[in-house]
Amino acid sequence: MAKVGYARVSSVGQSLDVQREKLSDCDKLFEEKRSGTTNTRPQLK
């Protein structure tokens, strides 16, 4: 079974690097830079 990860930061100034490292064993990784106040998260869907 494939392992899927989702990484998100809430502001443009933040980096996904730490989350990418923690999720490096995933077969598929979805990433977004979206505010926590918005419900629009296309990669999560």
Protein backbone atom coordinates (compact mmCIF):
# COMPACT_ATOMS: atom_id res chain seq x y z
CA MET A 1 0.00 0.00 0.00
CA ALA A 2 1.30 3.49 -0.88
CA LYS A 3 2.12 5.92 1.90
CA VAL A 4 0.77 9.45 1.27
CA GLY A 5 1.83 12.63 3.11
CA TYR A 6 0.48 16.18 3.32
CA ALA A 7 2.63 19.17 4.27
CA ARG A 8 1.31 22.70 4.75
CA VAL A 9 2.67 25.99 5.98
CA SER A 10 0.45 28.96 6.61
CA SER A 11 2.55 31.82 5.31
CA VAL A 12 4.74 32.44 2.32
CA GLY A 13 7.77 33.17 4.53
CA GLN A 14 7.69 29.72 6.11
CA SER A 15 9.47 26.70 4.69
CA LEU A 16 8.25 23.18 3.98
CA ASP A 17 11.78 21.76 4.35
CA VAL A 18 11.35 20.25 7.84
CA GLN A 19 8.03 18.65 6.93
CA ARG A 20 9.50 17.29 3.68
CA GLU A 21 12.31 15.69 5.66
CA LYS A 22 9.88 14.09 8.15
CA LEU A 23 7.70 12.81 5.30
CA SER A 24 10.57 11.62 3.09
CA ASP A 25 9.47 7.98 3.32
CA CYS A 26 6.12 8.77 1.66
CA ASP A 27 5.48 7.51 -1.85
CA LYS A 28 3.39 10.60 -2.68
CA LEU A 29 3.65 14.01 -1.01
CA PHE A 30 1.19 16.87 -1.41
CA GLU A 31 2.31 20.37 -0.39
CA GLU A 32 0.57 23.70 0.10
CA LYS A 33 1.28 27.19 1.32
CA ARG A 34 -2.15 28.23 2.59
CA SER A 35 -3.45 30.17 5.54
CA GLY A 36 -5.16 28.21 8.30
CA THR A 37 -8.11 30.59 8.04
CA THR A 38 -9.06 29.42 4.55
CA ASN A 39 -10.99 26.26 3.80
CA THR A 40 -9.69 26.13 0.23
CA ARG A 41 -6.98 23.49 0.21
CA PRO A 42 -6.92 21.80 -3.21
CA GLN A 43 -3.96 19.52 -2.42
CA LEU A 44 -5.67 18.15 0.71
CA LYS A 45 -8.77 17.22 -1.30
